[in-house]
Amino acid sequence: MVWRLITYTELYTPVPPYKSTYAIGVVEDESGRRAVVRIDRRYFGRLRTGMEGEVVEEWTVFGTLKKFVPREEVRVTRVALVTGGARGIGSAIALELARAGFSIAVADLAYDQDAEKTLEAVKSLGVEATFVAMDVSSAESVERGVSEVLSKFGRIDVLVNNAGITRDAYLQRMRPEDWDAVVRVNLTGAFHCSKAVSQHMVRAGGGVIVNISSIVGLVGNIGQANYAATKSGLVGFTYTLAKELAPYGIRVVAIAPGFVKTRMALAVPRSILRDYLKRSPVSRLVEPEEVARLVRHVVENEAINGIVIPIDLGLGISSPKA
């Protein structure tokens, strides 16, 4: 039986006892019979009166509900915003999500040769891509960048908080400005980006936020008190946002890589790298592409939420906290 949507409203605030947002509408069949129905939030922004579909009964813990499923599946191209996306892990993530069909917004401090190379590689996969100049430590810069992405693509489905820096030193030698710089980029930057993007994800009916933490945030590392503190902070940030944003269909997950073969890791003194490889059960560095494939898996698997996933070749089990 064909039903037609007569009127509807999108509810952006969860209504007790339900722990999710949804649309509610009135539909009518060919005989003029009407029914009140729920509509999944994934149709937010795409509903219109007159849409045809079917009414099905869906079991929930609150009883059986009538649900309207539009016949017209309006397809949209999903969009991913990757901070620190010009090089290293960020570039690999941008490419992997492009392979999954996402349009890509690469955000970084400045458009340079690395950014150009990443954009060209993404576009060669047949998807749209754009560069956004963004300083994640500045709320104003983040808001401008997010607005630019929305102006071009109309939506942001995935945010990857990857931008990060290091200013390594032993505690007694660490300058306050080096502590502050790392906190502003690695932790406050994720706050600025998540706050700016999540409000648009709510209106779109959901999304995914992936925070790139580090194994250092779980087990610590000598000479990286500032870096470890920010990466640990991202863990608590992830757990909290996952709880706050779940009702809106937004999943939040953290990934904790070990030492990854990037420019940043290869700048670490050789003695420290050798010690790392001695302690690791698998004596090599993690490849950026391996991290990227894990990010794609998280994005595509809707059951993954509110967890921290190490990808460290087993370093965590051989690096006790004590």
C-alpha atoms as a PDB file:
ATOM      1  CA  MET A   1       0.000   0.000   0.000  1.00  0.00           C
ATOM      2  CA  VAL A   2       1.264   3.459  -0.912  1.00  0.00           C
ATOM      3  CA  TRP A   3       1.171   6.233   1.670  1.00  0.00           C
ATOM      4  CA  ARG A   4       1.730   9.944   1.031  1.00  0.00           C
ATOM      5  CA  LEU A   5       3.343  12.338   3.502  1.00  0.00           C
ATOM      6  CA  ILE A   6       0.855  15.092   4.360  1.00  0.00           C
ATOM      7  CA  THR A   7       2.831  17.022   6.971  1.00  0.00           C
ATOM      8  CA  TYR A   8       5.838  16.508   9.204  1.00  0.00           C
ATOM      9  CA  THR A   9       8.172  18.085  11.722  1.00  0.00           C
ATOM     10  CA  GLU A  10      11.799  17.278  12.498  1.00  0.00           C
ATOM     11  CA  LEU A  11      12.487  16.942  16.220  1.00  0.00           C
ATOM     12  CA  TYR A  12      16.050  17.997  16.999  1.00  0.00           C
ATOM     13  CA  THR A  13      15.723  17.466  20.762  1.00  0.00           C
ATOM     14  CA  PRO A  14      15.174  13.941  22.151  1.00  0.00           C
ATOM     15  CA  VAL A  15      11.715  13.510  23.645  1.00  0.00           C
ATOM     16  CA  PRO A  16      11.597  11.200  26.728  1.00  0.00           C
ATOM     17  CA  PRO A  17      11.511   8.272  27.008  1.00  0.00           C
ATOM     18  CA  TYR A  18      13.214   8.002  23.600  1.00  0.00           C
ATOM     19  CA  LYS A  19      16.953   8.546  23.492  1.00  0.00           C
ATOM     20  CA  SER A  20      17.073   9.764  19.924  1.00  0.00           C
ATOM     21  CA  THR A  21      15.918  12.464  17.569  1.00  0.00           C
ATOM     22  CA  TYR A  22      13.496  11.719  14.747  1.00  0.00           C
ATOM     23  CA  ALA A  23      10.822  13.245  12.553  1.00  0.00           C
ATOM     24  CA  ILE A  24       7.135  12.744  13.139  1.00  0.00           C
ATOM     25  CA  GLY A  25       4.570  13.019  10.376  1.00  0.00           C
ATOM     26  CA  VAL A  26       1.049  12.373   9.188  1.00  0.00           C
ATOM     27  CA  VAL A  27       0.580  10.132   6.162  1.00  0.00           C
ATOM     28  CA  GLU A  28      -2.466   9.249   4.061  1.00  0.00           C
ATOM     29  CA  ASP A  29      -3.210   6.199   1.905  1.00  0.00           C
ATOM     30  CA  GLU A  30      -5.250   5.945  -1.324  1.00  0.00           C
ATOM     31  CA  SER A  31      -8.505   5.553   0.580  1.00  0.00           C
ATOM     32  CA  GLY A  32      -7.971   8.686   2.632  1.00  0.00           C
ATOM     33  CA  ARG A  33      -7.073   6.867   5.827  1.00  0.00           C
ATOM     34  CA  ARG A  34      -4.474   8.735   7.875  1.00  0.00           C
ATOM     35  CA  ALA A  35      -1.856   7.672  10.428  1.00  0.00           C
ATOM     36  CA  VAL A  36       0.716   9.327  12.659  1.00  0.00           C
ATOM     37  CA  VAL A  37       4.192   7.922  12.006  1.00  0.00           C
ATOM     38  CA  ARG A  38       7.813   8.281  12.974  1.00  0.00           C
ATOM     39  CA  ILE A  39      10.468   8.934  10.323  1.00  0.00           C
ATOM     40  CA  ASP A  40      14.138   8.100  10.758  1.00  0.00           C
ATOM     41  CA  ARG A  41      16.451  11.076  11.293  1.00  0.00           C
ATOM     42  CA  ARG A  42      18.585  10.073   8.328  1.00  0.00           C
ATOM     43  CA  TYR A  43      15.921  11.787   6.217  1.00  0.00           C
ATOM     44  CA  PHE A  44      16.424  15.136   7.965  1.00  0.00           C
ATOM     45  CA  GLY A  45      16.645  17.915   5.403  1.00  0.00           C
ATOM     46  CA  ARG A  46      15.283  15.716   2.627  1.00  0.00           C
ATOM     47  CA  LEU A  47      11.640  15.303   3.599  1.00  0.00           C
ATOM     48  CA  ARG A  48       8.894  17.058   1.659  1.00  0.00           C
ATOM     49  CA  THR A  49       5.125  16.905   1.638  1.00  0.00           C
ATOM     50  CA  GLY A  50       3.775  14.620  -1.040  1.00  0.00           C
ATOM     51  CA  MET A  51       6.572  12.067  -0.714  1.00  0.00           C
ATOM     52  CA  GLU A  52       5.335   8.542  -1.231  1.00  0.00           C
ATOM     53  CA  GLY A  53       6.395   5.513   0.748  1.00  0.00           C
ATOM     54  CA  GLU A  54       5.205   2.692   2.922  1.00  0.00           C
ATOM     55  CA  VAL A  55       4.265   2.380   6.562  1.00  0.00           C
ATOM     56  CA  VAL A  56       5.875  -0.466   8.466  1.00  0.00           C
ATOM     57  CA  GLU A  57       5.635  -1.555  12.067  1.00  0.00           C
ATOM     58  CA  GLU A  58       8.918  -1.512  13.952  1.00  0.00           C
ATOM     59  CA  TRP A  59       9.554  -3.146  17.302  1.00  0.00           C
ATOM     60  CA  THR A  60      11.261  -1.029  19.947  1.00  0.00           C
ATOM     61  CA  VAL A  61      11.784  -1.432  23.683  1.00  0.00           C
ATOM     62  CA  PHE A  62       8.902   1.033  24.078  1.00  0.00           C
ATOM     63  CA  GLY A  63       6.497  -1.054  22.009  1.00  0.00           C
ATOM     64  CA  THR A  64       5.623  -1.351  18.328  1.00  0.00           C
ATOM     65  CA  LEU A  65       5.684   1.940  16.411  1.00  0.00           C
ATOM     66  CA  LYS A  66       4.482   2.876  12.951  1.00  0.00           C
ATOM     67  CA  LYS A  67       7.313   4.093  10.770  1.00  0.00           C
ATOM     68  CA  PHE A  68       7.168   5.823   7.401  1.00  0.00           C
ATOM     69  CA  VAL A  69       9.829   4.778   4.895  1.00  0.00           C
ATOM     70  CA  PRO A  70      10.019   7.099   1.870  1.00  0.00           C
ATOM     71  CA  ARG A  71      10.023   5.320  -1.457  1.00  0.00           C
ATOM     72  CA  GLU A  72      12.257   7.970  -2.987  1.00  0.00           C
ATOM     73  CA  GLU A  73      15.733   7.437  -1.592  1.00  0.00           C
ATOM     74  CA  VAL A  74      17.405  10.797  -2.117  1.00  0.00           C
ATOM     75  CA  ARG A  75      21.091  10.060  -2.411  1.00  0.00           C
ATOM     76  CA  VAL A  76      23.608  12.575  -1.155  1.00  0.00           C
ATOM     77  CA  THR A  77      27.381  12.593  -1.370  1.00  0.00           C
ATOM     78  CA  ARG A  78      28.868  12.370   2.090  1.00  0.00           C
ATOM     79  CA  VAL A  79      31.508  14.879   3.106  1.00  0.00           C
ATOM     80  CA  ALA A  80      34.543  14.432   5.371  1.00  0.00           C
ATOM     81  CA  LEU A  81      36.535  17.252   6.963  1.00  0.00           C
ATOM     82  CA  VAL A  82      40.066  16.200   7.933  1.00  0.00           C
ATOM     83  CA  THR A  83      42.134  18.602  10.012  1.00  0.00           C
ATOM     84  CA  GLY A  84      45.895  18.445   9.566  1.00  0.00           C
ATOM     85  CA  GLY A  85      44.975  16.781   6.289  1.00  0.00           C
ATOM     86  CA  ALA A  86      47.770  18.054   4.070  1.00  0.00           C
ATOM     87  CA  ARG A  87      50.326  15.416   5.006  1.00  0.00           C
ATOM     88  CA  GLY A  88      51.077  12.320   7.075  1.00  0.00           C
ATOM     89  CA  ILE A  89      48.206  10.541   8.777  1.00  0.00           C
ATOM     90  CA  GLY A  90      45.729  13.219   7.737  1.00  0.00           C
ATOM     91  CA  SER A  91      46.575  12.883   4.062  1.00  0.00           C
ATOM     92  CA  ALA A  92      46.266   9.087   4.235  1.00  0.00           C
ATOM     93  CA  ILE A  93      42.860   9.418   5.920  1.00  0.00           C
ATOM     94  CA  ALA A  94      41.657  11.890   3.285  1.00  0.00           C
ATOM     95  CA  LEU A  95      42.641   9.463   0.520  1.00  0.00           C
ATOM     96  CA  GLU A  96      41.034   6.454   2.205  1.00  0.00           C
ATOM     97  CA  LEU A  97      37.736   8.257   2.765  1.00  0.00           C
ATOM     98  CA  ALA A  98      37.864   9.455  -0.841  1.00  0.00           C
ATOM     99  CA  ARG A  99      38.102   5.799  -1.892  1.00  0.00           C
ATOM    100  CA  ALA A 100      34.910   5.256   0.113  1.00  0.00           C
ATOM    101  CA  GLY A 101      33.191   7.919  -1.996  1.00  0.00           C
ATOM    102  CA  PHE A 102      33.398  10.909   0.338  1.00  0.00           C
ATOM    103  CA  SER A 103      33.941  14.451  -0.882  1.00  0.00           C
ATOM    104  CA  ILE A 104      36.961  15.691   1.039  1.00  0.00           C
ATOM    105  CA  ALA A 105      37.759  18.979   2.768  1.00  0.00           C
ATOM    106  CA  VAL A 106      41.454  19.124   3.652  1.00  0.00           C
ATOM    107  CA  ALA A 107      42.068  21.600   6.477  1.00  0.00           C
ATOM    108  CA  ASP A 108      45.540  22.795   7.353  1.00  0.00           C
ATOM    109  CA  LEU A 109      47.423  25.962   8.238  1.00  0.00           C
ATOM    110  CA  ALA A 110      48.485  26.866   4.709  1.00  0.00           C
ATOM    111  CA  TYR A 111      48.180  25.645   1.152  1.00  0.00           C
ATOM    112  CA  ASP A 112      51.614  24.264   0.299  1.00  0.00           C
ATOM    113  CA  GLN A 113      53.130  21.564  -1.894  1.00  0.00           C
ATOM    114  CA  ASP A 114      51.960  18.799   0.453  1.00  0.00           C
ATOM    115  CA  ALA A 115      48.393  20.127   0.442  1.00  0.00           C
ATOM    116  CA  GLU A 116      48.429  20.427  -3.349  1.00  0.00           C
ATOM    117  CA  LYS A 117      49.728  16.867  -3.701  1.00  0.00           C
ATOM    118  CA  THR A 118      47.033  15.518  -1.371  1.00  0.00           C
ATOM    119  CA  LEU A 119      44.249  17.374  -3.195  1.00  0.00           C
ATOM    120  CA  GLU A 120      45.440  16.114  -6.565  1.00  0.00           C
ATOM    121  CA  ALA A 121      45.568  12.543  -5.263  1.00  0.00           C
ATOM    122  CA  VAL A 122      42.060  12.824  -3.825  1.00  0.00           C
ATOM    123  CA  LYS A 123      40.622  14.306  -7.017  1.00  0.00           C
ATOM    124  CA  SER A 124      42.277  11.555  -9.071  1.00  0.00           C
ATOM    125  CA  LEU A 125      39.940   9.129  -7.281  1.00  0.00           C
ATOM    126  CA  GLY A 126      36.948  10.839  -8.889  1.00  0.00           C
ATOM    127  CA  VAL A 127      35.601  12.767  -5.909  1.00  0.00           C
ATOM    128  CA  GLU A 128      35.385  16.462  -5.125  1.00  0.00           C
ATOM    129  CA  ALA A 129      37.979  18.007  -2.857  1.00  0.00           C
ATOM    130  CA  THR A 130      38.747  21.426  -1.453  1.00  0.00           C
ATOM    131  CA  PHE A 131      41.392  22.990   0.755  1.00  0.00           C
ATOM    132  CA  VAL A 132      40.451  25.070   3.775  1.00  0.00           C
ATOM    133  CA  ALA A 133      42.977  27.270   5.564  1.00  0.00           C
ATOM    134  CA  MET A 134      42.339  26.578   9.241  1.00  0.00           C
ATOM    135  CA  ASP A 135      44.158  27.202  12.499  1.00  0.00           C
ATOM    136  CA  VAL A 136      42.363  24.820  14.845  1.00  0.00           C
ATOM    137  CA  SER A 137      43.665  26.675  17.901  1.00  0.00           C
ATOM    138  CA  SER A 138      41.497  29.660  16.886  1.00  0.00           C
ATOM    139  CA  ALA A 139      37.720  29.405  17.271  1.00  0.00           C
ATOM    140  CA  GLU A 140      37.242  32.149  14.685  1.00  0.00           C
ATOM    141  CA  SER A 141      39.448  30.374  12.135  1.00  0.00           C
ATOM    142  CA  VAL A 142      37.590  27.096  12.686  1.00  0.00           C
ATOM    143  CA  GLU A 143      34.187  28.746  12.283  1.00  0.00           C
ATOM    144  CA  ARG A 144      35.281  30.405   9.035  1.00  0.00           C
ATOM    145  CA  GLY A 145      36.672  27.124   7.730  1.00  0.00           C
ATOM    146  CA  VAL A 146      33.563  25.125   8.627  1.00  0.00           C
ATOM    147  CA  SER A 147      31.366  27.771   6.986  1.00  0.00           C
ATOM    148  CA  GLU A 148      33.505  27.518   3.861  1.00  0.00           C
ATOM    149  CA  VAL A 149      33.087  23.747   3.708  1.00  0.00           C
ATOM    150  CA  LEU A 150      29.326  24.017   4.239  1.00  0.00           C
ATOM    151  CA  SER A 151      29.094  26.688   1.560  1.00  0.00           C
ATOM    152  CA  LYS A 152      30.795  24.394  -0.952  1.00  0.00           C
ATOM    153  CA  PHE A 153      29.372  20.988  -0.017  1.00  0.00           C
ATOM    154  CA  GLY A 154      26.275  21.768   2.050  1.00  0.00           C
ATOM    155  CA  ARG A 155      27.058  19.250   4.777  1.00  0.00           C
ATOM    156  CA  ILE A 156      29.754  17.599   6.905  1.00  0.00           C
ATOM    157  CA  ASP A 157      29.170  13.940   7.719  1.00  0.00           C
ATOM    158  CA  VAL A 158      32.575  13.057   9.162  1.00  0.00           C
ATOM    159  CA  LEU A 159      35.006  15.161  11.177  1.00  0.00           C
ATOM    160  CA  VAL A 160      38.506  13.787  11.763  1.00  0.00           C
ATOM    161  CA  ASN A 161      40.298  15.735  14.502  1.00  0.00           C
ATOM    162  CA  ASN A 162      43.816  14.904  13.369  1.00  0.00           C
ATOM    163  CA  ALA A 163      45.707  18.214  13.617  1.00  0.00           C
ATOM    164  CA  GLY A 164      48.511  17.965  16.149  1.00  0.00           C
ATOM    165  CA  ILE A 165      51.971  19.218  17.065  1.00  0.00           C
ATOM    166  CA  THR A 166      54.785  18.269  19.445  1.00  0.00           C
ATOM    167  CA  ARG A 167      57.098  20.389  21.581  1.00  0.00           C
ATOM    168  CA  ASP A 168      59.022  17.670  23.407  1.00  0.00           C
ATOM    169  CA  ALA A 169      61.116  18.310  26.519  1.00  0.00           C
ATOM    170  CA  TYR A 170      61.586  16.967  30.025  1.00  0.00           C
ATOM    171  CA  LEU A 171      59.268  18.637  32.524  1.00  0.00           C
ATOM    172  CA  GLN A 172      61.954  20.815  34.124  1.00  0.00           C
ATOM    173  CA  ARG A 173      63.060  22.050  30.702  1.00  0.00           C
ATOM    174  CA  MET A 174      59.603  22.522  29.192  1.00  0.00           C
ATOM    175  CA  ARG A 175      58.734  26.135  28.593  1.00  0.00           C
ATOM    176  CA  PRO A 176      55.203  27.268  29.504  1.00  0.00           C
ATOM    177  CA  GLU A 177      54.685  28.470  25.923  1.00  0.00           C
ATOM    178  CA  ASP A 178      55.500  24.981  24.605  1.00  0.00           C
ATOM    179  CA  TRP A 179      52.963  23.444  26.981  1.00  0.00           C
ATOM    180  CA  ASP A 180      50.338  25.974  25.926  1.00  0.00           C
ATOM    181  CA  ALA A 181      50.997  25.577  22.193  1.00  0.00           C
ATOM    182  CA  VAL A 182      50.506  21.812  22.271  1.00  0.00           C
ATOM    183  CA  VAL A 183      47.351  22.058  24.372  1.00  0.00           C
ATOM    184  CA  ARG A 184      45.869  24.744  22.092  1.00  0.00           C
ATOM    185  CA  VAL A 185      46.351  22.699  18.927  1.00  0.00           C
ATOM    186  CA  ASN A 186      45.930  19.095  20.044  1.00  0.00           C
ATOM    187  CA  LEU A 187      43.123  19.434  22.578  1.00  0.00           C
ATOM    188  CA  THR A 188      41.491  22.846  22.319  1.00  0.00           C
ATOM    189  CA  GLY A 189      41.574  22.459  18.540  1.00  0.00           C
ATOM    190  CA  ALA A 190      39.465  19.300  18.754  1.00  0.00           C
ATOM    191  CA  PHE A 191      37.038  21.186  21.006  1.00  0.00           C
ATOM    192  CA  HIS A 192      36.691  24.079  18.541  1.00  0.00           C
ATOM    193  CA  CYS A 193      36.160  21.771  15.557  1.00  0.00           C
ATOM    194  CA  SER A 194      33.745  19.408  17.308  1.00  0.00           C
ATOM    195  CA  LYS A 195      31.646  22.275  18.635  1.00  0.00           C
ATOM    196  CA  ALA A 196      31.454  23.991  15.245  1.00  0.00           C
ATOM    197  CA  VAL A 197      30.662  20.849  13.242  1.00  0.00           C
ATOM    198  CA  SER A 198      28.373  18.930  15.619  1.00  0.00           C
ATOM    199  CA  GLN A 199      25.608  21.554  15.501  1.00  0.00           C
ATOM    200  CA  HIS A 200      25.343  20.999  11.740  1.00  0.00           C
ATOM    201  CA  MET A 201      25.450  17.224  12.174  1.00  0.00           C
ATOM    202  CA  VAL A 202      22.431  17.480  14.481  1.00  0.00           C
ATOM    203  CA  ARG A 203      20.443  19.212  11.721  1.00  0.00           C
ATOM    204  CA  ALA A 204      21.587  16.622   9.183  1.00  0.00           C
ATOM    205  CA  GLY A 205      20.467  13.709  11.346  1.00  0.00           C
ATOM    206  CA  GLY A 206      23.861  12.433  12.480  1.00  0.00           C
ATOM    207  CA  GLY A 207      27.527  12.054  11.713  1.00  0.00           C
ATOM    208  CA  VAL A 208      30.842  10.691  12.973  1.00  0.00           C
ATOM    209  CA  ILE A 209      33.644  12.417  14.863  1.00  0.00           C
ATOM    210  CA  VAL A 210      36.984  10.591  14.948  1.00  0.00           C
ATOM    211  CA  ASN A 211      39.619  11.909  17.345  1.00  0.00           C
ATOM    212  CA  ILE A 212      43.209  10.918  16.593  1.00  0.00           C
ATOM    213  CA  SER A 213      44.689  10.324  20.043  1.00  0.00           C
ATOM    214  CA  SER A 214      47.921   8.373  20.654  1.00  0.00           C
ATOM    215  CA  ILE A 215      49.195   5.378  22.560  1.00  0.00           C
ATOM    216  CA  VAL A 216      51.259   7.968  24.442  1.00  0.00           C
ATOM    217  CA  GLY A 217      47.994   9.243  25.884  1.00  0.00           C
ATOM    218  CA  LEU A 218      47.330   5.790  27.337  1.00  0.00           C
ATOM    219  CA  VAL A 219      50.758   4.755  28.651  1.00  0.00           C
ATOM    220  CA  GLY A 220      52.727   8.021  28.805  1.00  0.00           C
ATOM    221  CA  ASN A 221      56.150   8.772  27.359  1.00  0.00           C
ATOM    222  CA  ILE A 222      59.223  10.416  28.857  1.00  0.00           C
ATOM    223  CA  GLY A 223      59.765  13.917  27.520  1.00  0.00           C
ATOM    224  CA  GLN A 224      56.219  14.317  26.243  1.00  0.00           C
ATOM    225  CA  ALA A 225      54.207  15.518  29.235  1.00  0.00           C
ATOM    226  CA  ASN A 226      52.373  18.120  27.153  1.00  0.00           C
ATOM    227  CA  TYR A 227      51.676  15.785  24.228  1.00  0.00           C
ATOM    228  CA  ALA A 228      50.619  12.895  26.492  1.00  0.00           C
ATOM    229  CA  ALA A 229      48.301  15.181  28.472  1.00  0.00           C
ATOM    230  CA  THR A 230      46.528  16.336  25.311  1.00  0.00           C
ATOM    231  CA  LYS A 231      46.168  12.836  23.913  1.00  0.00           C
ATOM    232  CA  SER A 232      44.817  11.589  27.249  1.00  0.00           C
ATOM    233  CA  GLY A 233      42.491  14.571  27.210  1.00  0.00           C
ATOM    234  CA  LEU A 234      41.140  13.458  23.856  1.00  0.00           C
ATOM    235  CA  VAL A 235      40.210  10.126  25.430  1.00  0.00           C
ATOM    236  CA  GLY A 236      38.023  11.759  28.088  1.00  0.00           C
ATOM    237  CA  PHE A 237      36.717  14.187  25.477  1.00  0.00           C
ATOM    238  CA  THR A 238      35.697  11.237  23.291  1.00  0.00           C
ATOM    239  CA  TYR A 239      33.888   9.394  26.078  1.00  0.00           C
ATOM    240  CA  THR A 240      31.969  12.517  27.070  1.00  0.00           C
ATOM    241  CA  LEU A 241      30.968  13.591  23.560  1.00  0.00           C
ATOM    242  CA  ALA A 242      29.879  10.041  22.720  1.00  0.00           C
ATOM    243  CA  LYS A 243      27.395  10.233  25.603  1.00  0.00           C
ATOM    244  CA  GLU A 244      26.240  13.765  24.844  1.00  0.00           C
ATOM    245  CA  LEU A 245      25.811  13.367  21.091  1.00  0.00           C
ATOM    246  CA  ALA A 246      24.463   9.803  20.783  1.00  0.00           C
ATOM    247  CA  PRO A 247      20.812  10.975  20.947  1.00  0.00           C
ATOM    248  CA  TYR A 248      21.433  13.005  17.782  1.00  0.00           C
ATOM    249  CA  GLY A 249      22.893  10.135  15.800  1.00  0.00           C
ATOM    250  CA  ILE A 250      26.469  11.375  16.154  1.00  0.00           C
ATOM    251  CA  ARG A 251      29.073   8.761  16.987  1.00  0.00           C
ATOM    252  CA  VAL A 252      32.403   9.726  18.574  1.00  0.00           C
ATOM    253  CA  VAL A 253      35.426   7.420  18.556  1.00  0.00           C
ATOM    254  CA  ALA A 254      39.118   7.866  19.346  1.00  0.00           C
ATOM    255  CA  ILE A 255      41.985   6.060  17.660  1.00  0.00           C
ATOM    256  CA  ALA A 256      45.312   5.724  19.490  1.00  0.00           C
ATOM    257  CA  PRO A 257      48.171   5.028  17.069  1.00  0.00           C
ATOM    258  CA  GLY A 258      51.650   4.058  18.135  1.00  0.00           C
ATOM    259  CA  PHE A 259      54.616   5.639  16.366  1.00  0.00           C
ATOM    260  CA  VAL A 260      53.494   6.165  12.766  1.00  0.00           C
ATOM    261  CA  LYS A 261      55.915   6.508   9.862  1.00  0.00           C
ATOM    262  CA  THR A 262      55.446  10.241   9.324  1.00  0.00           C
ATOM    263  CA  ARG A 263      57.656  13.291   9.235  1.00  0.00           C
ATOM    264  CA  MET A 264      56.821  13.961  12.896  1.00  0.00           C
ATOM    265  CA  ALA A 265      57.814  10.482  14.062  1.00  0.00           C
ATOM    266  CA  LEU A 266      60.960  10.348  11.971  1.00  0.00           C
ATOM    267  CA  ALA A 267      62.105  13.612  13.574  1.00  0.00           C
ATOM    268  CA  VAL A 268      62.263  11.838  16.945  1.00  0.00           C
ATOM    269  CA  PRO A 269      65.884  11.184  18.043  1.00  0.00           C
ATOM    270  CA  ARG A 270      67.166   7.860  16.735  1.00  0.00           C
ATOM    271  CA  SER A 271      67.923   6.595  20.240  1.00  0.00           C
ATOM    272  CA  ILE A 272      64.263   6.995  21.238  1.00  0.00           C
ATOM    273  CA  LEU A 273      63.065   5.292  18.064  1.00  0.00           C
ATOM    274  CA  ARG A 274      65.433   2.388  18.654  1.00  0.00           C
ATOM    275  CA  ASP A 275      64.124   2.030  22.205  1.00  0.00           C
ATOM    276  CA  TYR A 276      60.573   2.074  20.868  1.00  0.00           C
ATOM    277  CA  LEU A 277      61.301  -0.680  18.373  1.00  0.00           C
ATOM    278  CA  LYS A 278      62.974  -2.784  21.073  1.00  0.00           C
ATOM    279  CA  ARG A 279      59.876  -2.571  23.276  1.00  0.00           C
ATOM    280  CA  SER A 280      57.364  -3.183  20.513  1.00  0.00           C
ATOM    281  CA  PRO A 281      56.285  -6.796  19.907  1.00  0.00           C
ATOM    282  CA  VAL A 282      56.420  -5.978  16.189  1.00  0.00           C
ATOM    283  CA  SER A 283      59.610  -4.093  15.396  1.00  0.00           C
ATOM    284  CA  ARG A 284      58.410  -1.563  12.868  1.00  0.00           C
ATOM    285  CA  LEU A 285      56.463   1.699  12.677  1.00  0.00           C
ATOM    286  CA  VAL A 286      52.756   1.837  11.933  1.00  0.00           C
ATOM    287  CA  GLU A 287      52.025   2.894   8.354  1.00  0.00           C
ATOM    288  CA  PRO A 288      49.761   5.957   7.845  1.00  0.00           C
ATOM    289  CA  GLU A 289      47.586   3.877   5.513  1.00  0.00           C
ATOM    290  CA  GLU A 290      46.932   1.384   8.320  1.00  0.00           C
ATOM    291  CA  VAL A 291      45.583   4.158  10.522  1.00  0.00           C
ATOM    292  CA  ALA A 292      43.513   5.446   7.598  1.00  0.00           C
ATOM    293  CA  ARG A 293      41.898   2.054   7.003  1.00  0.00           C
ATOM    294  CA  LEU A 294      40.923   1.892  10.672  1.00  0.00           C
ATOM    295  CA  VAL A 295      39.332   5.341  10.432  1.00  0.00           C
ATOM    296  CA  ARG A 296      37.302   4.186   7.431  1.00  0.00           C
ATOM    297  CA  HIS A 297      36.184   1.077   9.329  1.00  0.00           C
ATOM    298  CA  VAL A 298      35.025   3.222  12.255  1.00  0.00           C
ATOM    299  CA  VAL A 299      33.134   5.548   9.928  1.00  0.00           C
ATOM    300  CA  GLU A 300      31.373   2.709   8.121  1.00  0.00           C
ATOM    301  CA  ASN A 301      30.501   0.542  11.146  1.00  0.00           C
ATOM    302  CA  GLU A 302      27.550   2.141  12.940  1.00  0.00           C
ATOM    303  CA  ALA A 303      27.947  -0.108  15.990  1.00  0.00           C
ATOM    304  CA  ILE A 304      31.295   1.448  16.966  1.00  0.00           C
ATOM    305  CA  ASN A 305      30.846   4.326  19.397  1.00  0.00           C
ATOM    306  CA  GLY A 306      32.407   5.810  22.521  1.00  0.00           C
ATOM    307  CA  ILE A 307      35.586   3.735  22.567  1.00  0.00           C
ATOM    308  CA  VAL A 308      39.337   4.190  22.134  1.00  0.00           C
ATOM    309  CA  ILE A 309      40.961   1.841  19.640  1.00  0.00           C
ATOM    310  CA  PRO A 310      44.744   1.337  19.865  1.00  0.00           C
ATOM    311  CA  ILE A 311      46.594   0.683  16.619  1.00  0.00           C
ATOM    312  CA  ASP A 312      50.116   0.270  17.936  1.00  0.00           C
ATOM    313  CA  LEU A 313      51.477  -3.129  16.860  1.00  0.00           C
ATOM    314  CA  GLY A 314      51.020  -4.289  20.457  1.00  0.00           C
ATOM    315  CA  LEU A 315      53.157  -1.584  22.097  1.00  0.00           C
ATOM    316  CA  GLY A 316      50.517  -0.983  24.769  1.00  0.00           C
ATOM    317  CA  ILE A 317      50.838  -4.472  26.219  1.00  0.00           C
ATOM    318  CA  SER A 318      54.623  -4.163  26.439  1.00  0.00           C
ATOM    319  CA  SER A 319      54.648  -0.632  27.903  1.00  0.00           C
ATOM    320  CA  PRO A 320      53.046  -0.840  31.346  1.00  0.00           C
ATOM    321  CA  LYS A 321      52.137   2.438  33.008  1.00  0.00           C
ATOM    322  CA  ALA A 322      54.149   1.585  36.119  1.00  0.00           C
END
